[in-house]
């Protein structure tokens, strides 16, 4: 492919016109930039016997419309995933099934166990992605500039490590009062700017456990 090494560990495929994960992409790359291409589906290669060492994957500004990661286990060390600027209307991490998601002892295997930052800004999501609680290391989720209409009770269920949520520039009119209740590490920003909130915010804030929390609300109707 026309991809090239930008430093010892960074594989750069940005603006190369690729429509899929390049066959010559080495499994030893730590950072891969595949932004501004024509990729339509989330690349999930067969890891084979060698383990992929990828930690940072940039798939922003492609043509991806739907993402399902329920069976993708090729990137066990992935820490940041950038899906900004696609056309994603559905992002599902999935609920593991007995045939695919359980180990020999019957325990559910964690999807993307090292993922800390998930960024899906500038897409077409109408709801918070399903299955965020399966990302046991998730610290930040960026969902700015989508079409999310409400925040439901279980949207962030089991997201025990989550510190930062960005929900600005959506179409949110209602937030369940207990939606953020169990997020004990939430401390950076709940960004709700440019929405159409009608939910009484004090009810939500009283349910929070962090005293360092900032709630950004400019542009909301409430």
C-alpha atoms as a PDB file:
ATOM      1  CA  UNK A   1       0.000   0.000   0.000  1.00  0.00           C
ATOM      2  CA  UNK A   2       0.990   3.692   0.021  1.00  0.00           C
ATOM      3  CA  UNK A   3       1.172   3.671   3.814  1.00  0.00           C
ATOM      4  CA  UNK A   4       4.438   4.566   5.472  1.00  0.00           C
ATOM      5  CA  UNK A   5       6.208   4.498   8.805  1.00  0.00           C
ATOM      6  CA  UNK A   6       6.182   7.821  10.630  1.00  0.00           C
ATOM      7  CA  UNK A   7       8.636   6.971  13.336  1.00  0.00           C
ATOM      8  CA  UNK A   8       9.466   3.562  14.687  1.00  0.00           C
ATOM      9  CA  UNK A   9       6.011   2.643  16.006  1.00  0.00           C
ATOM     10  CA  UNK A  10       3.562   4.815  13.999  1.00  0.00           C
ATOM     11  CA  UNK A  11       2.040   3.347  10.833  1.00  0.00           C
ATOM     12  CA  UNK A  12       0.511   6.180   8.747  1.00  0.00           C
ATOM     13  CA  UNK A  13      -2.190   5.397   6.187  1.00  0.00           C
ATOM     14  CA  UNK A  14      -3.971   8.749   6.269  1.00  0.00           C
ATOM     15  CA  UNK A  15      -5.131  10.131   2.909  1.00  0.00           C
ATOM     16  CA  UNK A  16      -3.966   7.078   0.986  1.00  0.00           C
ATOM     17  CA  UNK A  17      -7.352   6.009  -0.405  1.00  0.00           C
ATOM     18  CA  UNK A  18      -7.420   2.646   1.360  1.00  0.00           C
ATOM     19  CA  UNK A  19     -10.818   0.986   1.732  1.00  0.00           C
ATOM     20  CA  UNK A  20      -9.757  -1.647   4.280  1.00  0.00           C
ATOM     21  CA  UNK A  21      -6.987  -2.467   6.703  1.00  0.00           C
ATOM     22  CA  UNK A  22      -3.837  -2.732   4.540  1.00  0.00           C
ATOM     23  CA  UNK A  23      -2.516  -6.259   4.223  1.00  0.00           C
ATOM     24  CA  UNK A  24       1.014  -5.006   4.834  1.00  0.00           C
ATOM     25  CA  UNK A  25       0.150  -3.349   8.133  1.00  0.00           C
ATOM     26  CA  UNK A  26       2.535  -4.879  10.674  1.00  0.00           C
ATOM     27  CA  UNK A  27       1.142  -6.391  13.858  1.00  0.00           C
ATOM     28  CA  UNK A  28       3.915  -4.611  15.770  1.00  0.00           C
ATOM     29  CA  UNK A  29       2.555  -1.098  15.108  1.00  0.00           C
ATOM     30  CA  UNK A  30       1.558   0.785  18.258  1.00  0.00           C
ATOM     31  CA  UNK A  31      -0.254   3.666  16.505  1.00  0.00           C
ATOM     32  CA  UNK A  32      -2.139   3.388  13.209  1.00  0.00           C
ATOM     33  CA  UNK A  33      -3.629   6.393  11.424  1.00  0.00           C
ATOM     34  CA  UNK A  34      -6.187   5.394   8.785  1.00  0.00           C
ATOM     35  CA  UNK A  35      -8.058   8.698   8.769  1.00  0.00           C
ATOM     36  CA  UNK A  36      -9.488  10.397   5.657  1.00  0.00           C
ATOM     37  CA  UNK A  37      -9.958   7.277   3.586  1.00  0.00           C
ATOM     38  CA  UNK A  38     -12.884   5.264   2.184  1.00  0.00           C
ATOM     39  CA  UNK A  39     -13.154   2.518   4.817  1.00  0.00           C
ATOM     40  CA  UNK A  40     -16.785   1.393   5.217  1.00  0.00           C
ATOM     41  CA  UNK A  41     -16.557  -1.259   7.934  1.00  0.00           C
ATOM     42  CA  UNK A  42     -14.623  -1.486  11.177  1.00  0.00           C
ATOM     43  CA  UNK A  43     -11.442  -3.480  10.459  1.00  0.00           C
ATOM     44  CA  UNK A  44     -11.167  -6.539  12.650  1.00  0.00           C
ATOM     45  CA  UNK A  45      -8.361  -8.730  11.307  1.00  0.00           C
ATOM     46  CA  UNK A  46      -7.694 -12.293  12.293  1.00  0.00           C
ATOM     47  CA  UNK A  47      -4.914 -11.970  14.833  1.00  0.00           C
ATOM     48  CA  UNK A  48      -3.582 -15.427  14.091  1.00  0.00           C
ATOM     49  CA  UNK A  49      -0.886 -16.688  16.396  1.00  0.00           C
ATOM     50  CA  UNK A  50       0.856 -13.330  16.739  1.00  0.00           C
ATOM     51  CA  UNK A  51      -0.759 -10.785  19.038  1.00  0.00           C
ATOM     52  CA  UNK A  52      -1.445  -7.284  17.710  1.00  0.00           C
ATOM     53  CA  UNK A  53       0.312  -4.612  19.782  1.00  0.00           C
ATOM     54  CA  UNK A  54      -1.839  -1.714  18.547  1.00  0.00           C
ATOM     55  CA  UNK A  55      -2.692   0.869  21.237  1.00  0.00           C
ATOM     56  CA  UNK A  56      -4.040   3.821  19.218  1.00  0.00           C
ATOM     57  CA  UNK A  57      -6.286   3.484  16.157  1.00  0.00           C
ATOM     58  CA  UNK A  58      -7.529   6.499  14.188  1.00  0.00           C
ATOM     59  CA  UNK A  59     -10.398   5.737  11.793  1.00  0.00           C
ATOM     60  CA  UNK A  60     -11.799   9.261  11.689  1.00  0.00           C
ATOM     61  CA  UNK A  61     -13.301  10.728   8.523  1.00  0.00           C
ATOM     62  CA  UNK A  62     -14.040   7.528   6.686  1.00  0.00           C
ATOM     63  CA  UNK A  63     -17.346   6.072   5.400  1.00  0.00           C
ATOM     64  CA  UNK A  64     -18.221   3.828   8.326  1.00  0.00           C
ATOM     65  CA  UNK A  65     -21.974   3.684   9.015  1.00  0.00           C
ATOM     66  CA  UNK A  66     -22.356   0.794  11.447  1.00  0.00           C
ATOM     67  CA  UNK A  67     -20.029  -0.740  14.024  1.00  0.00           C
ATOM     68  CA  UNK A  68     -20.501  -4.000  15.924  1.00  0.00           C
ATOM     69  CA  UNK A  69     -17.599  -5.124  18.076  1.00  0.00           C
ATOM     70  CA  UNK A  70     -19.218  -8.091  19.807  1.00  0.00           C
ATOM     71  CA  UNK A  71     -16.835 -10.637  18.298  1.00  0.00           C
ATOM     72  CA  UNK A  72     -13.743  -8.497  17.645  1.00  0.00           C
ATOM     73  CA  UNK A  73     -10.805  -9.556  19.814  1.00  0.00           C
ATOM     74  CA  UNK A  74      -7.908  -8.666  17.516  1.00  0.00           C
ATOM     75  CA  UNK A  75      -6.749  -5.599  19.468  1.00  0.00           C
ATOM     76  CA  UNK A  76      -6.415  -6.651  23.130  1.00  0.00           C
ATOM     77  CA  UNK A  77      -4.104  -3.715  23.929  1.00  0.00           C
ATOM     78  CA  UNK A  78      -6.081  -0.957  22.179  1.00  0.00           C
ATOM     79  CA  UNK A  79      -6.303   2.142  24.424  1.00  0.00           C
ATOM     80  CA  UNK A  80      -7.772   4.832  22.151  1.00  0.00           C
ATOM     81  CA  UNK A  81     -10.258   4.456  19.302  1.00  0.00           C
ATOM     82  CA  UNK A  82     -11.105   7.497  17.153  1.00  0.00           C
ATOM     83  CA  UNK A  83     -14.221   7.129  14.985  1.00  0.00           C
ATOM     84  CA  UNK A  84     -14.951  10.845  14.584  1.00  0.00           C
ATOM     85  CA  UNK A  85     -16.447  12.231  11.396  1.00  0.00           C
ATOM     86  CA  UNK A  86     -17.949   9.082   9.929  1.00  0.00           C
ATOM     87  CA  UNK A  87     -21.643   8.364   9.303  1.00  0.00           C
ATOM     88  CA  UNK A  88     -22.153   5.944  12.182  1.00  0.00           C
ATOM     89  CA  UNK A  89     -25.815   5.502  13.104  1.00  0.00           C
ATOM     90  CA  UNK A  90     -25.330   2.318  15.122  1.00  0.00           C
ATOM     91  CA  UNK A  91     -22.469   1.413  17.438  1.00  0.00           C
ATOM     92  CA  UNK A  92     -22.910  -1.783  19.440  1.00  0.00           C
ATOM     93  CA  UNK A  93     -20.326  -3.433  21.624  1.00  0.00           C
ATOM     94  CA  UNK A  94     -22.747  -6.287  21.977  1.00  0.00           C
ATOM     95  CA  UNK A  95     -23.682  -8.666  24.728  1.00  0.00           C
ATOM     96  CA  UNK A  96     -21.423 -11.742  24.518  1.00  0.00           C
ATOM     97  CA  UNK A  97     -23.259 -14.956  23.782  1.00  0.00           C
ATOM     98  CA  UNK A  98     -22.404 -18.321  25.364  1.00  0.00           C
ATOM     99  CA  UNK A  99     -20.929 -19.464  22.053  1.00  0.00           C
ATOM    100  CA  UNK A 100     -18.643 -16.460  21.610  1.00  0.00           C
ATOM    101  CA  UNK A 101     -18.275 -14.441  24.782  1.00  0.00           C
ATOM    102  CA  UNK A 102     -17.650 -16.835  27.656  1.00  0.00           C
ATOM    103  CA  UNK A 103     -14.420 -18.482  28.704  1.00  0.00           C
ATOM    104  CA  UNK A 104     -14.103 -22.059  29.903  1.00  0.00           C
ATOM    105  CA  UNK A 105     -15.104 -21.078  33.451  1.00  0.00           C
ATOM    106  CA  UNK A 106     -18.317 -19.443  32.267  1.00  0.00           C
ATOM    107  CA  UNK A 107     -17.220 -15.844  32.914  1.00  0.00           C
ATOM    108  CA  UNK A 108     -17.933 -13.139  30.349  1.00  0.00           C
ATOM    109  CA  UNK A 109     -14.789 -12.107  28.489  1.00  0.00           C
ATOM    110  CA  UNK A 110     -14.143  -8.360  28.348  1.00  0.00           C
ATOM    111  CA  UNK A 111     -14.299  -6.619  24.989  1.00  0.00           C
ATOM    112  CA  UNK A 112     -11.325  -4.370  24.213  1.00  0.00           C
ATOM    113  CA  UNK A 113     -10.082  -4.778  27.806  1.00  0.00           C
ATOM    114  CA  UNK A 114      -7.538  -1.935  27.597  1.00  0.00           C
ATOM    115  CA  UNK A 115      -9.690   0.704  25.848  1.00  0.00           C
ATOM    116  CA  UNK A 116      -9.591   4.006  27.765  1.00  0.00           C
ATOM    117  CA  UNK A 117     -10.869   6.569  25.242  1.00  0.00           C
ATOM    118  CA  UNK A 118     -13.732   6.073  22.782  1.00  0.00           C
ATOM    119  CA  UNK A 119     -14.414   9.037  20.498  1.00  0.00           C
ATOM    120  CA  UNK A 120     -17.425   8.987  18.158  1.00  0.00           C
ATOM    121  CA  UNK A 121     -17.940  12.703  17.571  1.00  0.00           C
ATOM    122  CA  UNK A 122     -19.605  14.080  14.462  1.00  0.00           C
ATOM    123  CA  UNK A 123     -21.621  10.997  13.557  1.00  0.00           C
ATOM    124  CA  UNK A 124     -25.332  10.094  13.385  1.00  0.00           C
ATOM    125  CA  UNK A 125     -25.943   8.246  16.632  1.00  0.00           C
ATOM    126  CA  UNK A 126     -29.484   8.628  17.981  1.00  0.00           C
ATOM    127  CA  UNK A 127     -28.640   6.993  21.314  1.00  0.00           C
ATOM    128  CA  UNK A 128     -25.655   6.269  23.543  1.00  0.00           C
ATOM    129  CA  UNK A 129     -23.787   3.199  22.200  1.00  0.00           C
ATOM    130  CA  UNK A 130     -24.986  -0.098  23.652  1.00  0.00           C
ATOM    131  CA  UNK A 131     -22.625  -2.094  25.856  1.00  0.00           C
ATOM    132  CA  UNK A 132     -20.280   0.606  27.152  1.00  0.00           C
ATOM    133  CA  UNK A 133     -20.167  -1.283  30.438  1.00  0.00           C
ATOM    134  CA  UNK A 134     -18.298  -4.099  28.715  1.00  0.00           C
ATOM    135  CA  UNK A 135     -15.337  -1.744  28.296  1.00  0.00           C
ATOM    136  CA  UNK A 136     -13.932  -2.244  31.766  1.00  0.00           C
ATOM    137  CA  UNK A 137     -11.072   0.262  31.362  1.00  0.00           C
ATOM    138  CA  UNK A 138     -13.089   3.043  29.681  1.00  0.00           C
ATOM    139  CA  UNK A 139     -12.218   6.459  31.133  1.00  0.00           C
ATOM    140  CA  UNK A 140     -13.575   8.876  28.503  1.00  0.00           C
ATOM    141  CA  UNK A 141     -16.382   8.743  25.965  1.00  0.00           C
ATOM    142  CA  UNK A 142     -16.807  11.587  23.475  1.00  0.00           C
ATOM    143  CA  UNK A 143     -20.199  11.746  21.731  1.00  0.00           C
ATOM    144  CA  UNK A 144     -20.366  15.422  20.744  1.00  0.00           C
ATOM    145  CA  UNK A 145     -22.261  16.385  17.563  1.00  0.00           C
ATOM    146  CA  UNK A 146     -24.556  13.425  17.092  1.00  0.00           C
ATOM    147  CA  UNK A 147     -28.357  13.097  17.207  1.00  0.00           C
ATOM    148  CA  UNK A 148     -28.759  11.566  20.679  1.00  0.00           C
ATOM    149  CA  UNK A 149     -32.220  12.376  22.070  1.00  0.00           C
ATOM    150  CA  UNK A 150     -32.125  11.133  25.654  1.00  0.00           C
ATOM    151  CA  UNK A 151     -29.892   9.590  28.297  1.00  0.00           C
ATOM    152  CA  UNK A 152     -31.423   6.448  29.752  1.00  0.00           C
ATOM    153  CA  UNK A 153     -30.877   4.844  33.148  1.00  0.00           C
ATOM    154  CA  UNK A 154     -28.610   2.034  31.922  1.00  0.00           C
ATOM    155  CA  UNK A 155     -26.623   3.912  29.269  1.00  0.00           C
ATOM    156  CA  UNK A 156     -23.531   4.087  31.496  1.00  0.00           C
ATOM    157  CA  UNK A 157     -24.244   1.037  33.638  1.00  0.00           C
ATOM    158  CA  UNK A 158     -21.071  -0.696  34.900  1.00  0.00           C
ATOM    159  CA  UNK A 159     -18.833   2.087  33.542  1.00  0.00           C
ATOM    160  CA  UNK A 160     -16.996   2.175  36.866  1.00  0.00           C
ATOM    161  CA  UNK A 161     -13.800   3.801  35.511  1.00  0.00           C
ATOM    162  CA  UNK A 162     -15.510   6.560  33.505  1.00  0.00           C
ATOM    163  CA  UNK A 163     -14.160  10.053  34.261  1.00  0.00           C
ATOM    164  CA  UNK A 164     -15.137  12.188  31.261  1.00  0.00           C
ATOM    165  CA  UNK A 165     -18.368  12.335  29.235  1.00  0.00           C
ATOM    166  CA  UNK A 166     -18.944  14.698  26.288  1.00  0.00           C
ATOM    167  CA  UNK A 167     -22.543  14.948  25.060  1.00  0.00           C
ATOM    168  CA  UNK A 168     -22.643  18.461  23.622  1.00  0.00           C
ATOM    169  CA  UNK A 169     -24.372  19.435  20.386  1.00  0.00           C
ATOM    170  CA  UNK A 170     -26.895  16.607  20.381  1.00  0.00           C
ATOM    171  CA  UNK A 171     -30.711  16.689  20.561  1.00  0.00           C
ATOM    172  CA  UNK A 172     -31.011  15.645  24.196  1.00  0.00           C
ATOM    173  CA  UNK A 173     -34.302  16.631  25.820  1.00  0.00           C
ATOM    174  CA  UNK A 174     -34.275  14.325  28.850  1.00  0.00           C
ATOM    175  CA  UNK A 175     -31.759  12.651  31.159  1.00  0.00           C
ATOM    176  CA  UNK A 176     -32.754   9.988  33.660  1.00  0.00           C
ATOM    177  CA  UNK A 177     -32.057  11.401  37.145  1.00  0.00           C
ATOM    178  CA  UNK A 178     -29.939   8.348  38.054  1.00  0.00           C
ATOM    179  CA  UNK A 179     -28.093   8.009  34.742  1.00  0.00           C
ATOM    180  CA  UNK A 180     -24.765   9.062  36.298  1.00  0.00           C
ATOM    181  CA  UNK A 181     -25.358   7.848  39.849  1.00  0.00           C
ATOM    182  CA  UNK A 182     -22.841   4.969  39.903  1.00  0.00           C
ATOM    183  CA  UNK A 183     -20.038   6.824  38.113  1.00  0.00           C
ATOM    184  CA  UNK A 184     -17.917   7.339  41.209  1.00  0.00           C
ATOM    185  CA  UNK A 185     -14.841   8.475  39.263  1.00  0.00           C
ATOM    186  CA  UNK A 186     -16.658  11.009  37.099  1.00  0.00           C
ATOM    187  CA  UNK A 187     -14.729  14.214  37.726  1.00  0.00           C
ATOM    188  CA  UNK A 188     -13.775  16.039  34.550  1.00  0.00           C
ATOM    189  CA  UNK A 189     -16.729  17.298  32.506  1.00  0.00           C
ATOM    190  CA  UNK A 190     -20.250  16.291  31.632  1.00  0.00           C
ATOM    191  CA  UNK A 191     -20.571  18.476  28.557  1.00  0.00           C
ATOM    192  CA  UNK A 192     -24.241  19.053  27.702  1.00  0.00           C
ATOM    193  CA  UNK A 193     -23.958  22.294  25.750  1.00  0.00           C
ATOM    194  CA  UNK A 194     -26.256  23.016  22.797  1.00  0.00           C
ATOM    195  CA  UNK A 195     -28.955  20.505  23.666  1.00  0.00           C
ATOM    196  CA  UNK A 196     -32.676  20.980  24.426  1.00  0.00           C
ATOM    197  CA  UNK A 197     -32.814  19.803  28.021  1.00  0.00           C
ATOM    198  CA  UNK A 198     -36.123  19.878  29.838  1.00  0.00           C
ATOM    199  CA  UNK A 199     -35.052  17.622  32.733  1.00  0.00           C
ATOM    200  CA  UNK A 200     -34.581  19.486  36.039  1.00  0.00           C
ATOM    201  CA  UNK A 201     -30.791  19.414  36.352  1.00  0.00           C
ATOM    202  CA  UNK A 202     -30.646  19.654  40.171  1.00  0.00           C
ATOM    203  CA  UNK A 203     -32.131  16.154  40.417  1.00  0.00           C
ATOM    204  CA  UNK A 204     -29.252  14.833  38.328  1.00  0.00           C
ATOM    205  CA  UNK A 205     -26.563  16.761  40.165  1.00  0.00           C
ATOM    206  CA  UNK A 206     -27.791  15.589  43.564  1.00  0.00           C
ATOM    207  CA  UNK A 207     -27.275  11.988  42.452  1.00  0.00           C
ATOM    208  CA  UNK A 208     -23.621  12.555  41.615  1.00  0.00           C
ATOM    209  CA  UNK A 209     -20.845  11.532  43.969  1.00  0.00           C
ATOM    210  CA  UNK A 210     -18.059  13.792  42.730  1.00  0.00           C
ATOM    211  CA  UNK A 211     -17.519  17.288  44.076  1.00  0.00           C
ATOM    212  CA  UNK A 212     -15.116  18.179  41.251  1.00  0.00           C
ATOM    213  CA  UNK A 213     -17.707  17.778  38.516  1.00  0.00           C
ATOM    214  CA  UNK A 214     -18.326  20.538  35.972  1.00  0.00           C
ATOM    215  CA  UNK A 215     -21.562  20.551  34.005  1.00  0.00           C
ATOM    216  CA  UNK A 216     -21.404  22.705  30.880  1.00  0.00           C
ATOM    217  CA  UNK A 217     -24.883  23.808  29.750  1.00  0.00           C
ATOM    218  CA  UNK A 218     -24.646  26.811  27.379  1.00  0.00           C
ATOM    219  CA  UNK A 219     -27.265  26.681  24.656  1.00  0.00           C
ATOM    220  CA  UNK A 220     -29.618  24.303  26.448  1.00  0.00           C
ATOM    221  CA  UNK A 221     -33.261  25.295  26.752  1.00  0.00           C
ATOM    222  CA  UNK A 222     -33.579  24.478  30.475  1.00  0.00           C
END
